[in-house]
PDB file of N, CA and C in Angstrom:
ATOM      1  N   UNK A   1      37.402  23.117 -61.213  1.00  0.00           N
ATOM      2  CA  UNK A   1      37.900  22.749 -59.666  1.00  0.00           C
ATOM      3  C   UNK A   1      36.942  23.421 -58.592  1.00  0.00           C
ATOM      4  N   UNK A   2      36.990  24.620 -58.768  1.00  0.00           N
ATOM      5  CA  UNK A   2      36.213  25.445 -57.715  1.00  0.00           C
ATOM      6  C   UNK A   2      34.737  25.029 -57.761  1.00  0.00           C
ATOM      7  N   UNK A   3      34.190  24.825 -58.818  1.00  0.00           N
ATOM      8  CA  UNK A   3      32.772  24.613 -58.811  1.00  0.00           C
ATOM      9  C   UNK A   3      32.639  22.961 -58.129  1.00  0.00           C
ATOM     10  N   UNK A   4      33.555  22.337 -58.475  1.00  0.00           N
ATOM     11  CA  UNK A   4      33.365  20.874 -57.809  1.00  0.00           C
ATOM     12  C   UNK A   4      33.503  20.958 -56.458  1.00  0.00           C
ATOM     13  N   UNK A   5      34.564  21.819 -55.905  1.00  0.00           N
ATOM     14  CA  UNK A   5      34.720  22.173 -54.404  1.00  0.00           C
ATOM     15  C   UNK A   5      33.481  22.733 -54.037  1.00  0.00           C
ATOM     16  N   UNK A   6      32.892  23.543 -54.408  1.00  0.00           N
ATOM     17  CA  UNK A   6      31.710  24.329 -53.902  1.00  0.00           C
ATOM     18  C   UNK A   6      30.484  23.319 -53.915  1.00  0.00           C
ATOM     19  N   UNK A   7      30.252  22.617 -54.878  1.00  0.00           N
ATOM     20  CA  UNK A   7      29.195  21.474 -54.804  1.00  0.00           C
ATOM     21  C   UNK A   7      29.463  20.494 -53.735  1.00  0.00           C
ATOM     22  N   UNK A   8      30.587  20.055 -53.488  1.00  0.00           N
ATOM     23  CA  UNK A   8      30.968  19.105 -52.514  1.00  0.00           C
ATOM     24  C   UNK A   8      30.803  19.698 -51.254  1.00  0.00           C
ATOM     25  N   UNK A   9      31.124  20.966 -51.026  1.00  0.00           N
ATOM     26  CA  UNK A   9      30.854  21.632 -49.799  1.00  0.00           C
ATOM     27  C   UNK A   9      29.404  21.794 -49.457  1.00  0.00           C
ATOM     28  N   UNK A  10      28.583  21.954 -50.493  1.00  0.00           N
ATOM     29  CA  UNK A  10      27.217  22.181 -50.388  1.00  0.00           C
ATOM     30  C   UNK A  10      26.505  20.865 -50.161  1.00  0.00           C
ATOM     31  N   UNK A  11      27.090  19.852 -50.845  1.00  0.00           N
ATOM     32  CA  UNK A  11      26.543  18.539 -50.541  1.00  0.00           C
ATOM     33  C   UNK A  11      26.881  18.134 -48.987  1.00  0.00           C
ATOM     34  N   UNK A  12      27.949  18.467 -48.688  1.00  0.00           N
ATOM     35  CA  UNK A  12      28.476  18.029 -47.248  1.00  0.00           C
ATOM     36  C   UNK A  12      27.501  18.748 -46.151  1.00  0.00           C
ATOM     37  N   UNK A  13      27.426  20.034 -46.451  1.00  0.00           N
ATOM     38  CA  UNK A  13      26.557  20.978 -45.551  1.00  0.00           C
ATOM     39  C   UNK A  13      25.088  20.287 -45.689  1.00  0.00           C
ATOM     40  N   UNK A  14      24.407  20.096 -46.757  1.00  0.00           N
ATOM     41  CA  UNK A  14      23.128  19.502 -46.970  1.00  0.00           C
ATOM     42  C   UNK A  14      22.880  18.212 -46.098  1.00  0.00           C
ATOM     43  N   UNK A  15      23.918  17.283 -46.267  1.00  0.00           N
ATOM     44  CA  UNK A  15      24.093  15.939 -45.586  1.00  0.00           C
ATOM     45  C   UNK A  15      24.262  16.204 -44.138  1.00  0.00           C
ATOM     46  N   UNK A  16      25.056  17.052 -43.639  1.00  0.00           N
ATOM     47  CA  UNK A  16      25.196  17.471 -42.193  1.00  0.00           C
ATOM     48  C   UNK A  16      23.917  17.901 -41.568  1.00  0.00           C
ATOM     49  N   UNK A  17      23.280  18.821 -42.199  1.00  0.00           N
ATOM     50  CA  UNK A  17      21.938  19.549 -41.895  1.00  0.00           C
ATOM     51  C   UNK A  17      20.850  18.275 -41.658  1.00  0.00           C
ATOM     52  N   UNK A  18      20.845  17.320 -42.703  1.00  0.00           N
ATOM     53  CA  UNK A  18      19.996  16.197 -42.546  1.00  0.00           C
ATOM     54  C   UNK A  18      20.283  15.331 -41.520  1.00  0.00           C
ATOM     55  N   UNK A  19      21.467  15.148 -41.514  1.00  0.00           N
ATOM     56  CA  UNK A  19      21.971  14.004 -40.289  1.00  0.00           C
ATOM     57  C   UNK A  19      21.654  14.802 -38.959  1.00  0.00           C
ATOM     58  N   UNK A  20      21.856  15.838 -38.609  1.00  0.00           N
ATOM     59  CA  UNK A  20      21.514  16.539 -37.519  1.00  0.00           C
ATOM     60  C   UNK A  20      19.942  16.472 -37.126  1.00  0.00           C
ATOM     61  N   UNK A  21      19.128  16.704 -38.139  1.00  0.00           N
ATOM     62  CA  UNK A  21      17.747  16.546 -38.051  1.00  0.00           C
ATOM     63  C   UNK A  21      17.403  15.212 -37.533  1.00  0.00           C
ATOM     64  N   UNK A  22      17.984  14.255 -38.237  1.00  0.00           N
ATOM     65  CA  UNK A  22      17.513  12.822 -37.972  1.00  0.00           C
ATOM     66  C   UNK A  22      18.117  12.406 -36.489  1.00  0.00           C
ATOM     67  N   UNK A  23      19.260  12.989 -36.155  1.00  0.00           N
ATOM     68  CA  UNK A  23      19.722  12.606 -34.795  1.00  0.00           C
ATOM     69  C   UNK A  23      18.924  13.449 -33.906  1.00  0.00           C
ATOM     70  N   UNK A  24      18.392  14.550 -34.159  1.00  0.00           N
ATOM     71  CA  UNK A  24      17.611  15.173 -33.241  1.00  0.00           C
ATOM     72  C   UNK A  24      16.345  14.459 -33.033  1.00  0.00           C
ATOM     73  N   UNK A  25      15.732  13.990 -34.181  1.00  0.00           N
ATOM     74  CA  UNK A  25      14.381  13.338 -34.036  1.00  0.00           C
ATOM     75  C   UNK A  25      14.737  11.947 -33.155  1.00  0.00           C
ATOM     76  N   UNK A  26      15.840  11.286 -33.349  1.00  0.00           N
ATOM     77  CA  UNK A  26      16.206  10.029 -32.604  1.00  0.00           C
ATOM     78  C   UNK A  26      16.202  10.297 -31.212  1.00  0.00           C
ATOM     79  N   UNK A  27      16.875  11.284 -30.872  1.00  0.00           N
ATOM     80  CA  UNK A  27      16.946  11.815 -29.365  1.00  0.00           C
ATOM     81  C   UNK A  27      15.493  12.285 -28.831  1.00  0.00           C
ATOM     82  N   UNK A  28      14.885  12.850 -29.565  1.00  0.00           N
ATOM     83  CA  UNK A  28      13.519  13.034 -29.134  1.00  0.00           C
ATOM     84  C   UNK A  28      12.691  11.869 -28.877  1.00  0.00           C
ATOM     85  N   UNK A  29      12.666  11.076 -29.698  1.00  0.00           N
ATOM     86  CA  UNK A  29      11.877   9.688 -29.606  1.00  0.00           C
ATOM     87  C   UNK A  29      12.687   8.832 -28.349  1.00  0.00           C
ATOM     88  N   UNK A  30      13.794   8.792 -28.089  1.00  0.00           N
ATOM     89  CA  UNK A  30      14.386   8.180 -27.010  1.00  0.00           C
ATOM     90  C   UNK A  30      13.951   8.644 -25.860  1.00  0.00           C
ATOM     91  N   UNK A  31      13.934  10.180 -25.698  1.00  0.00           N
ATOM     92  CA  UNK A  31      13.458  10.797 -24.447  1.00  0.00           C
ATOM     93  C   UNK A  31      11.937  10.634 -24.167  1.00  0.00           C
ATOM     94  N   UNK A  32      11.085  10.600 -25.213  1.00  0.00           N
ATOM     95  CA  UNK A  32       9.758  10.382 -25.192  1.00  0.00           C
ATOM     96  C   UNK A  32       9.547   8.933 -24.510  1.00  0.00           C
ATOM     97  N   UNK A  33      10.221   8.048 -25.128  1.00  0.00           N
ATOM     98  CA  UNK A  33      10.092   6.738 -24.701  1.00  0.00           C
ATOM     99  C   UNK A  33      10.535   6.571 -23.123  1.00  0.00           C
ATOM    100  N   UNK A  34      11.575   7.193 -22.836  1.00  0.00           N
ATOM    101  CA  UNK A  34      11.933   7.202 -21.491  1.00  0.00           C
ATOM    102  C   UNK A  34      11.019   7.952 -20.517  1.00  0.00           C
ATOM    103  N   UNK A  35      10.400   8.924 -21.005  1.00  0.00           N
ATOM    104  CA  UNK A  35       9.477   9.629 -20.190  1.00  0.00           C
ATOM    105  C   UNK A  35       8.241   8.639 -19.914  1.00  0.00           C
ATOM    106  N   UNK A  36       7.746   8.238 -21.137  1.00  0.00           N
ATOM    107  CA  UNK A  36       6.762   7.095 -20.884  1.00  0.00           C
ATOM    108  C   UNK A  36       6.803   5.999 -19.968  1.00  0.00           C
ATOM    109  N   UNK A  37       7.913   5.303 -20.024  1.00  0.00           N
ATOM    110  CA  UNK A  37       8.476   4.401 -18.907  1.00  0.00           C
ATOM    111  C   UNK A  37       8.420   4.948 -17.637  1.00  0.00           C
ATOM    112  N   UNK A  38       8.927   6.040 -17.379  1.00  0.00           N
ATOM    113  CA  UNK A  38       9.085   6.807 -16.169  1.00  0.00           C
ATOM    114  C   UNK A  38       7.691   7.050 -15.533  1.00  0.00           C
ATOM    115  N   UNK A  39       6.772   7.552 -16.427  1.00  0.00           N
ATOM    116  CA  UNK A  39       5.419   7.749 -16.043  1.00  0.00           C
ATOM    117  C   UNK A  39       4.770   6.636 -15.552  1.00  0.00           C
ATOM    118  N   UNK A  40       4.926   5.349 -16.307  1.00  0.00           N
ATOM    119  CA  UNK A  40       4.243   4.086 -15.906  1.00  0.00           C
ATOM    120  C   UNK A  40       4.858   3.767 -14.467  1.00  0.00           C
ATOM    121  N   UNK A  41       6.041   3.841 -14.251  1.00  0.00           N
ATOM    122  CA  UNK A  41       6.808   3.607 -13.027  1.00  0.00           C
ATOM    123  C   UNK A  41       6.060   4.325 -11.916  1.00  0.00           C
ATOM    124  N   UNK A  42       6.087   5.721 -12.041  1.00  0.00           N
ATOM    125  CA  UNK A  42       5.320   6.449 -11.110  1.00  0.00           C
ATOM    126  C   UNK A  42       3.967   6.058 -10.761  1.00  0.00           C
ATOM    127  N   UNK A  43       3.224   5.831 -11.793  1.00  0.00           N
ATOM    128  CA  UNK A  43       1.759   5.424 -11.598  1.00  0.00           C
ATOM    129  C   UNK A  43       1.697   4.031 -10.604  1.00  0.00           C
ATOM    130  N   UNK A  44       2.671   3.032 -10.968  1.00  0.00           N
ATOM    131  CA  UNK A  44       2.589   1.940 -10.247  1.00  0.00           C
ATOM    132  C   UNK A  44       3.001   2.211  -8.695  1.00  0.00           C
ATOM    133  N   UNK A  45       3.873   3.117  -8.637  1.00  0.00           N
ATOM    134  CA  UNK A  45       4.516   3.418  -7.203  1.00  0.00           C
ATOM    135  C   UNK A  45       3.367   4.055  -6.547  1.00  0.00           C
ATOM    136  N   UNK A  46       2.552   4.972  -7.145  1.00  0.00           N
ATOM    137  CA  UNK A  46       1.448   5.615  -6.523  1.00  0.00           C
ATOM    138  C   UNK A  46       0.313   4.658  -6.098  1.00  0.00           C
ATOM    139  N   UNK A  47       0.017   3.624  -6.929  1.00  0.00           N
ATOM    140  CA  UNK A  47      -0.955   2.652  -6.761  1.00  0.00           C
ATOM    141  C   UNK A  47      -0.339   1.913  -5.494  1.00  0.00           C
ATOM    142  N   UNK A  48       0.817   1.587  -5.441  1.00  0.00           N
ATOM    143  CA  UNK A  48       1.360   0.753  -4.228  1.00  0.00           C
ATOM    144  C   UNK A  48       1.295   1.643  -2.848  1.00  0.00           C
ATOM    145  N   UNK A  49       1.653   2.819  -3.204  1.00  0.00           N
ATOM    146  CA  UNK A  49       1.620   3.769  -1.858  1.00  0.00           C
ATOM    147  C   UNK A  49       0.145   3.809  -1.332  1.00  0.00           C
ATOM    148  N   UNK A  50      -0.783   3.917  -2.232  1.00  0.00           N
ATOM    149  CA  UNK A  50      -2.322   3.969  -1.818  1.00  0.00           C
ATOM    150  C   UNK A  50      -2.571   2.702  -1.189  1.00  0.00           C
ATOM    151  N   UNK A  51      -2.182   1.592  -1.689  1.00  0.00           N
ATOM    152  CA  UNK A  51      -2.414   0.225  -1.158  1.00  0.00           C
ATOM    153  C   UNK A  51      -1.962   0.236   0.204  1.00  0.00           C
ATOM    154  N   UNK A  52      -0.562   0.651   0.511  1.00  0.00           N
ATOM    155  CA  UNK A  52      -0.047   0.446   1.673  1.00  0.00           C
ATOM    156  C   UNK A  52      -0.449   1.489   2.668  1.00  0.00           C
ATOM    157  N   UNK A  53      -1.116   2.679   2.221  1.00  0.00           N
ATOM    158  CA  UNK A  53      -1.724   3.664   3.156  1.00  0.00           C
ATOM    159  C   UNK A  53      -2.971   2.926   3.765  1.00  0.00           C
ATOM    160  N   UNK A  54      -3.687   2.195   2.852  1.00  0.00           N
ATOM    161  CA  UNK A  54      -4.883   1.664   3.251  1.00  0.00           C
ATOM    162  C   UNK A  54      -4.624   0.599   4.257  1.00  0.00           C
ATOM    163  N   UNK A  55      -3.554  -0.261   4.052  1.00  0.00           N
ATOM    164  CA  UNK A  55      -3.252  -1.441   4.996  1.00  0.00           C
ATOM    165  C   UNK A  55      -2.822  -0.793   6.405  1.00  0.00           C
ATOM    166  N   UNK A  56      -1.977   0.458   6.140  1.00  0.00           N
ATOM    167  CA  UNK A  56      -1.541   1.056   7.394  1.00  0.00           C
ATOM    168  C   UNK A  56      -2.836   1.424   8.322  1.00  0.00           C
ATOM    169  N   UNK A  57      -3.586   2.068   7.640  1.00  0.00           N
ATOM    170  CA  UNK A  57      -5.034   2.535   8.406  1.00  0.00           C
ATOM    171  C   UNK A  57      -5.595   1.292   9.085  1.00  0.00           C
ATOM    172  N   UNK A  58      -5.600   0.057   8.314  1.00  0.00           N
ATOM    173  CA  UNK A  58      -6.304  -1.092   8.925  1.00  0.00           C
ATOM    174  C   UNK A  58      -5.591  -1.566  10.171  1.00  0.00           C
ATOM    175  N   UNK A  59      -4.230  -1.523  10.139  1.00  0.00           N
ATOM    176  CA  UNK A  59      -3.381  -1.931  11.138  1.00  0.00           C
ATOM    177  C   UNK A  59      -3.560  -1.087  12.219  1.00  0.00           C
ATOM    178  N   UNK A  60      -3.428   0.251  12.077  1.00  0.00           N
ATOM    179  CA  UNK A  60      -3.624   1.212  13.102  1.00  0.00           C
ATOM    180  C   UNK A  60      -5.084   0.907  13.852  1.00  0.00           C
ATOM    181  N   UNK A  61      -6.086   0.859  13.058  1.00  0.00           N
ATOM    182  CA  UNK A  61      -7.171   0.553  13.714  1.00  0.00           C
ATOM    183  C   UNK A  61      -7.332  -0.788  14.608  1.00  0.00           C
ATOM    184  N   UNK A  62      -6.620  -1.835  13.971  1.00  0.00           N
ATOM    185  CA  UNK A  62      -6.562  -3.062  14.748  1.00  0.00           C
ATOM    186  C   UNK A  62      -5.731  -2.678  16.179  1.00  0.00           C
ATOM    187  N   UNK A  63      -4.723  -2.032  15.918  1.00  0.00           N
ATOM    188  CA  UNK A  63      -3.838  -1.605  17.195  1.00  0.00           C
ATOM    189  C   UNK A  63      -4.645  -0.989  18.179  1.00  0.00           C
ATOM    190  N   UNK A  64      -5.474  -0.057  17.760  1.00  0.00           N
ATOM    191  CA  UNK A  64      -6.353   0.581  18.572  1.00  0.00           C
ATOM    192  C   UNK A  64      -7.271  -0.216  19.595  1.00  0.00           C
ATOM    193  N   UNK A  65      -7.841  -1.315  18.704  1.00  0.00           N
ATOM    194  CA  UNK A  65      -8.693  -2.243  19.338  1.00  0.00           C
ATOM    195  C   UNK A  65      -7.798  -3.070  20.289  1.00  0.00           C
ATOM    196  N   UNK A  66      -6.511  -3.525  20.008  1.00  0.00           N
ATOM    197  CA  UNK A  66      -5.852  -4.263  20.945  1.00  0.00           C
ATOM    198  C   UNK A  66      -5.597  -3.551  22.084  1.00  0.00           C
ATOM    199  N   UNK A  67      -5.317  -2.132  22.042  1.00  0.00           N
ATOM    200  CA  UNK A  67      -4.929  -1.399  23.158  1.00  0.00           C
ATOM    201  C   UNK A  67      -6.045  -1.354  24.206  1.00  0.00           C
ATOM    202  N   UNK A  68      -7.393  -1.113  23.608  1.00  0.00           N
ATOM    203  CA  UNK A  68      -8.651  -1.215  24.392  1.00  0.00           C
ATOM    204  C   UNK A  68      -8.793  -2.604  25.253  1.00  0.00           C
ATOM    205  N   UNK A  69      -8.421  -3.635  24.395  1.00  0.00           N
ATOM    206  CA  UNK A  69      -8.674  -4.852  25.061  1.00  0.00           C
ATOM    207  C   UNK A  69      -7.457  -5.013  26.157  1.00  0.00           C
ATOM    208  N   UNK A  70      -6.374  -4.635  26.006  1.00  0.00           N
ATOM    209  CA  UNK A  70      -5.474  -4.500  27.008  1.00  0.00           C
ATOM    210  C   UNK A  70      -5.820  -3.736  28.247  1.00  0.00           C
ATOM    211  N   UNK A  71      -6.241  -2.689  28.035  1.00  0.00           N
ATOM    212  CA  UNK A  71      -6.891  -1.849  29.214  1.00  0.00           C
ATOM    213  C   UNK A  71      -7.976  -2.608  29.901  1.00  0.00           C
ATOM    214  N   UNK A  72      -8.812  -3.174  29.123  1.00  0.00           N
ATOM    215  CA  UNK A  72      -9.906  -3.880  29.628  1.00  0.00           C
ATOM    216  C   UNK A  72      -9.618  -5.052  30.463  1.00  0.00           C
ATOM    217  N   UNK A  73      -8.470  -5.859  29.988  1.00  0.00           N
ATOM    218  CA  UNK A  73      -8.068  -7.155  30.584  1.00  0.00           C
ATOM    219  C   UNK A  73      -7.414  -6.725  32.037  1.00  0.00           C
ATOM    220  N   UNK A  74      -6.770  -5.395  32.110  1.00  0.00           N
ATOM    221  CA  UNK A  74      -6.185  -5.101  33.179  1.00  0.00           C
ATOM    222  C   UNK A  74      -7.097  -4.439  34.355  1.00  0.00           C
ATOM    223  N   UNK A  75      -8.529  -4.383  33.976  1.00  0.00           N
ATOM    224  CA  UNK A  75      -9.465  -3.897  34.690  1.00  0.00           C
ATOM    225  C   UNK A  75      -9.798  -4.959  35.912  1.00  0.00           C
ATOM    226  N   UNK A  76      -9.941  -4.870  37.044  1.00  0.00           N
ATOM    227  CA  UNK A  76     -10.270  -5.884  37.938  1.00  0.00           C
ATOM    228  C   UNK A  76     -11.748  -6.222  37.811  1.00  0.00           C
ATOM    229  N   UNK A  77     -12.634  -5.376  37.508  1.00  0.00           N
ATOM    230  CA  UNK A  77     -14.062  -5.711  37.246  1.00  0.00           C
ATOM    231  C   UNK A  77     -14.165  -6.499  36.246  1.00  0.00           C
ATOM    232  N   UNK A  78     -13.507  -6.445  35.081  1.00  0.00           N
ATOM    233  CA  UNK A  78     -13.463  -7.327  33.935  1.00  0.00           C
ATOM    234  C   UNK A  78     -13.030  -8.583  34.306  1.00  0.00           C
ATOM    235  N   UNK A  79     -11.845  -8.720  34.863  1.00  0.00           N
ATOM    236  CA  UNK A  79     -11.421 -10.119  35.245  1.00  0.00           C
ATOM    237  C   UNK A  79     -12.287 -10.793  36.261  1.00  0.00           C
ATOM    238  N   UNK A  80     -13.033 -10.242  37.092  1.00  0.00           N
ATOM    239  CA  UNK A  80     -14.042 -10.728  37.834  1.00  0.00           C
ATOM    240  C   UNK A  80     -15.140 -11.279  37.108  1.00  0.00           C
ATOM    241  N   UNK A  81     -15.614 -10.510  36.227  1.00  0.00           N
ATOM    242  CA  UNK A  81     -16.825 -10.687  35.355  1.00  0.00           C
ATOM    243  C   UNK A  81     -16.341 -12.124  34.407  1.00  0.00           C
ATOM    244  N   UNK A  82     -15.082 -12.106  34.116  1.00  0.00           N
ATOM    245  CA  UNK A  82     -14.836 -13.213  33.241  1.00  0.00           C
ATOM    246  C   UNK A  82     -14.792 -14.430  34.070  1.00  0.00           C
ATOM    247  N   UNK A  83     -14.083 -14.316  35.185  1.00  0.00           N
ATOM    248  CA  UNK A  83     -13.857 -15.349  36.211  1.00  0.00           C
ATOM    249  C   UNK A  83     -15.397 -16.086  36.639  1.00  0.00           C
ATOM    250  N   UNK A  84     -16.287 -15.228  36.798  1.00  0.00           N
ATOM    251  CA  UNK A  84     -17.661 -15.727  37.108  1.00  0.00           C
ATOM    252  C   UNK A  84     -18.331 -16.287  35.935  1.00  0.00           C
ATOM    253  N   UNK A  85     -18.431 -15.573  34.905  1.00  0.00           N
ATOM    254  CA  UNK A  85     -19.116 -16.123  33.833  1.00  0.00           C
ATOM    255  C   UNK A  85     -18.614 -17.278  32.995  1.00  0.00           C
ATOM    256  N   UNK A  86     -17.414 -17.241  32.757  1.00  0.00           N
ATOM    257  CA  UNK A  86     -16.607 -18.164  31.950  1.00  0.00           C
ATOM    258  C   UNK A  86     -16.258 -19.352  32.779  1.00  0.00           C
ATOM    259  N   UNK A  87     -15.668 -19.072  33.995  1.00  0.00           N
ATOM    260  CA  UNK A  87     -14.966 -20.179  34.648  1.00  0.00           C
ATOM    261  C   UNK A  87     -15.845 -20.338  35.946  1.00  0.00           C
ATOM    262  N   UNK A  88     -16.835 -19.944  36.163  1.00  0.00           N
ATOM    263  CA  UNK A  88     -17.848 -20.357  37.248  1.00  0.00           C
ATOM    264  C   UNK A  88     -17.326 -20.306  38.562  1.00  0.00           C
ATOM    265  N   UNK A  89     -16.596 -19.374  38.756  1.00  0.00           N
ATOM    266  CA  UNK A  89     -15.765 -19.016  40.170  1.00  0.00           C
ATOM    267  C   UNK A  89     -16.603 -18.044  41.038  1.00  0.00           C
ATOM    268  N   UNK A  90     -16.621 -18.275  42.355  1.00  0.00           N
ATOM    269  CA  UNK A  90     -17.337 -17.462  43.282  1.00  0.00           C
ATOM    270  C   UNK A  90     -16.335 -16.766  44.233  1.00  0.00           C
ATOM    271  N   UNK A  91     -16.802 -15.722  44.773  1.00  0.00           N
ATOM    272  CA  UNK A  91     -15.950 -15.150  46.038  1.00  0.00           C
ATOM    273  C   UNK A  91     -16.146 -15.916  47.285  1.00  0.00           C
ATOM    274  N   UNK A  92     -15.026 -16.025  48.072  1.00  0.00           N
ATOM    275  CA  UNK A  92     -15.289 -16.720  49.301  1.00  0.00           C
ATOM    276  C   UNK A  92     -16.323 -16.261  50.182  1.00  0.00           C
ATOM    277  N   UNK A  93     -17.146 -17.460  50.595  1.00  0.00           N
ATOM    278  CA  UNK A  93     -18.386 -17.233  51.206  1.00  0.00           C
ATOM    279  C   UNK A  93     -19.754 -16.945  50.365  1.00  0.00           C
ATOM    280  N   UNK A  94     -19.417 -16.938  49.097  1.00  0.00           N
ATOM    281  CA  UNK A  94     -20.751 -16.914  48.309  1.00  0.00           C
ATOM    282  C   UNK A  94     -21.145 -18.421  47.924  1.00  0.00           C
ATOM    283  N   UNK A  95     -22.447 -18.283  47.752  1.00  0.00           N
ATOM    284  CA  UNK A  95     -22.935 -19.829  47.232  1.00  0.00           C
ATOM    285  C   UNK A  95     -23.396 -19.783  45.677  1.00  0.00           C
ATOM    286  N   UNK A  96     -22.851 -20.605  44.879  1.00  0.00           N
ATOM    287  CA  UNK A  96     -23.360 -20.540  43.586  1.00  0.00           C
ATOM    288  C   UNK A  96     -24.515 -21.541  43.397  1.00  0.00           C
ATOM    289  N   UNK A  97     -25.587 -20.904  42.780  1.00  0.00           N
ATOM    290  CA  UNK A  97     -26.826 -21.522  42.603  1.00  0.00           C
ATOM    291  C   UNK A  97     -26.726 -21.684  40.847  1.00  0.00           C
ATOM    292  N   UNK A  98     -27.004 -23.069  40.803  1.00  0.00           N
ATOM    293  CA  UNK A  98     -27.140 -23.427  39.172  1.00  0.00           C
ATOM    294  C   UNK A  98     -28.561 -23.892  39.101  1.00  0.00           C
ATOM    295  N   UNK A  99     -29.179 -23.207  38.272  1.00  0.00           N
ATOM    296  CA  UNK A  99     -30.802 -23.473  37.987  1.00  0.00           C
ATOM    297  C   UNK A  99     -30.716 -24.866  37.118  1.00  0.00           C
ATOM    298  N   UNK A 100     -31.759 -25.680  37.410  1.00  0.00           N
ATOM    299  CA  UNK A 100     -31.835 -26.909  36.727  1.00  0.00           C
ATOM    300  C   UNK A 100     -33.191 -26.737  35.946  1.00  0.00           C
ATOM    301  N   UNK A 101     -33.053 -27.091  34.676  1.00  0.00           N
ATOM    302  CA  UNK A 101     -34.259 -26.914  33.917  1.00  0.00           C
ATOM    303  C   UNK A 101     -34.938 -28.502  33.803  1.00  0.00           C
ATOM    304  N   UNK A 102     -36.190 -28.280  34.083  1.00  0.00           N
ATOM    305  CA  UNK A 102     -37.029 -29.611  34.120  1.00  0.00           C
ATOM    306  C   UNK A 102     -37.038 -30.359  32.683  1.00  0.00           C
ATOM    307  N   UNK A 103     -36.927 -31.640  32.576  1.00  0.00           N
ATOM    308  CA  UNK A 103     -37.218 -32.183  31.244  1.00  0.00           C
ATOM    309  C   UNK A 103     -38.509 -32.064  30.880  1.00  0.00           C
ATOM    310  N   UNK A 104     -38.773 -31.915  29.488  1.00  0.00           N
ATOM    311  CA  UNK A 104     -39.994 -31.956  29.043  1.00  0.00           C
ATOM    312  C   UNK A 104     -40.676 -33.291  29.003  1.00  0.00           C
ATOM    313  N   UNK A 105     -41.862 -33.132  29.413  1.00  0.00           N
ATOM    314  CA  UNK A 105     -42.882 -34.450  29.658  1.00  0.00           C
ATOM    315  C   UNK A 105     -43.284 -34.882  28.156  1.00  0.00           C
ATOM    316  N   UNK A 106     -43.263 -36.216  27.998  1.00  0.00           N
ATOM    317  CA  UNK A 106     -43.430 -36.608  26.571  1.00  0.00           C
ATOM    318  C   UNK A 106     -44.785 -37.018  26.545  1.00  0.00           C
TER     319      UNK A 106
END
Protein backbone atom coordinates (compact mmCIF):
# COMPACT_ATOMS: atom_id res chain seq x y z
CA UNK A 1 0.00 0.00 0.00
CA UNK A 2 2.83 2.40 0.86
CA UNK A 3 4.51 1.75 -2.46
CA UNK A 4 1.26 2.37 -4.30
CA UNK A 5 0.77 5.64 -2.40
CA UNK A 6 4.32 6.75 -3.21
CA UNK A 7 3.86 5.92 -6.88
CA UNK A 8 0.59 7.81 -7.04
CA UNK A 9 2.17 10.81 -5.35
CA UNK A 10 5.16 10.72 -7.73
CA UNK A 11 2.85 10.40 -10.73
CA UNK A 12 0.77 13.31 -9.44
CA UNK A 13 3.88 15.46 -8.89
CA UNK A 14 5.15 14.59 -12.36
CA UNK A 15 1.76 15.39 -13.88
CA UNK A 16 1.59 18.67 -11.91
CA UNK A 17 5.06 19.74 -13.12
CA UNK A 18 4.17 18.95 -16.75
CA UNK A 19 0.86 20.79 -16.43
CA UNK A 20 2.61 23.84 -14.99
CA UNK A 21 5.15 23.81 -17.84
CA UNK A 22 2.38 23.58 -20.46
CA UNK A 23 0.41 26.31 -18.71
CA UNK A 24 3.50 28.52 -18.62
CA UNK A 25 4.10 27.93 -22.35
CA UNK A 26 0.49 28.80 -23.15
CA UNK A 27 0.73 32.00 -21.08
CA UNK A 28 3.99 33.00 -22.84
CA UNK A 29 2.41 32.39 -26.27
CA UNK A 30 -0.63 34.50 -25.33
CA UNK A 31 1.56 37.35 -24.08
CA UNK A 32 3.73 37.16 -27.22
CA UNK A 33 0.63 37.35 -29.42
CA UNK A 34 -0.74 40.31 -27.44
CA UNK A 35 2.65 42.03 -27.70
CA UNK A 36 2.66 41.50 -31.47
CA UNK A 37 -0.85 42.96 -31.81
CA UNK A 38 0.06 45.97 -29.68
CA UNK A 39 3.23 46.61 -31.70
CA UNK A 40 1.18 46.58 -34.93
CA UNK A 41 -1.31 48.97 -33.38
CA UNK A 42 1.47 51.32 -32.24
CA UNK A 43 3.03 51.29 -35.74
CA UNK A 44 -0.31 52.20 -37.31
CA UNK A 45 -0.78 55.02 -34.82
CA UNK A 46 2.73 56.34 -35.53
CA UNK A 47 2.00 56.33 -39.27
CA UNK A 48 -1.26 58.18 -38.67
CA UNK A 49 0.51 60.69 -36.43
CA UNK A 50 3.12 61.31 -39.11
CA UNK A 51 0.42 61.82 -41.74
CA UNK A 52 -1.48 64.22 -39.50
CA UNK A 53 1.70 66.19 -38.76
CA UNK A 54 2.34 66.60 -42.50
CA UNK A 55 -1.25 67.74 -42.99
CA UNK A 56 -0.87 70.18 -40.09
CA UNK A 57 2.28 71.67 -41.66
CA UNK A 58 0.43 72.12 -44.96
CA UNK A 59 -2.53 73.79 -43.25
CA UNK A 60 -0.24 76.09 -41.24
CA UNK A 61 1.48 77.16 -44.47
CA UNK A 62 -1.91 77.87 -46.07
CA UNK A 63 -2.86 79.85 -42.97
CA UNK A 64 0.29 81.99 -43.30
CA UNK A 65 -0.54 82.68 -46.95
CA UNK A 66 -4.09 83.67 -46.07
CA UNK A 67 -2.88 85.98 -43.30
CA UNK A 68 -0.53 87.62 -45.81
CA UNK A 69 -3.41 88.06 -48.27
CA UNK A 70 -5.59 89.59 -45.54
CA UNK A 71 -2.86 92.13 -44.72
CA UNK A 72 -2.47 92.86 -48.43
CA UNK A 73 -6.21 93.39 -48.94
CA UNK A 74 -6.31 95.87 -46.05
CA UNK A 75 -3.54 97.95 -47.69
CA UNK A 76 -4.96 101.03 -49.47
CA UNK A 77 -2.35 100.92 -52.24
CA UNK A 78 -3.30 97.34 -53.06
CA UNK A 79 -7.00 98.24 -53.12
CA UNK A 80 -6.26 101.15 -55.48
CA UNK A 81 -4.15 98.91 -57.73
CA UNK A 82 -6.95 96.33 -58.01
CA UNK A 83 -9.54 99.06 -58.62
CA UNK A 84 -7.47 100.52 -61.46
CA UNK A 85 -6.26 97.30 -63.11
CA UNK A 86 -9.24 95.01 -62.78
CA UNK A 87 -12.19 97.40 -62.52
CA UNK A 88 -10.89 100.25 -64.71
CA UNK A 89 -11.65 102.90 -62.08
CA UNK A 90 -9.91 106.27 -61.98
CA UNK A 91 -9.49 108.97 -59.36
CA UNK A 92 -11.66 112.08 -59.60
CA UNK A 93 -10.20 114.46 -62.17
CA UNK A 94 -8.16 111.79 -63.95
CA UNK A 95 -8.74 110.89 -67.56
CA UNK A 96 -8.59 107.27 -68.60
CA UNK A 97 -6.86 106.57 -71.89
CA UNK A 98 -7.53 103.26 -73.56
CA UNK A 99 -5.11 102.45 -76.38
CA UNK A 100 -6.75 101.21 -79.55
CA UNK A 101 -4.91 98.68 -81.63
CA UNK A 102 -5.14 99.01 -85.38
CA UNK A 103 -6.60 96.14 -87.29
CA UNK A 104 -4.15 94.27 -89.43
CA UNK A 105 -4.46 95.07 -93.14
CA UNK A 106 -5.17 92.08 -95.31
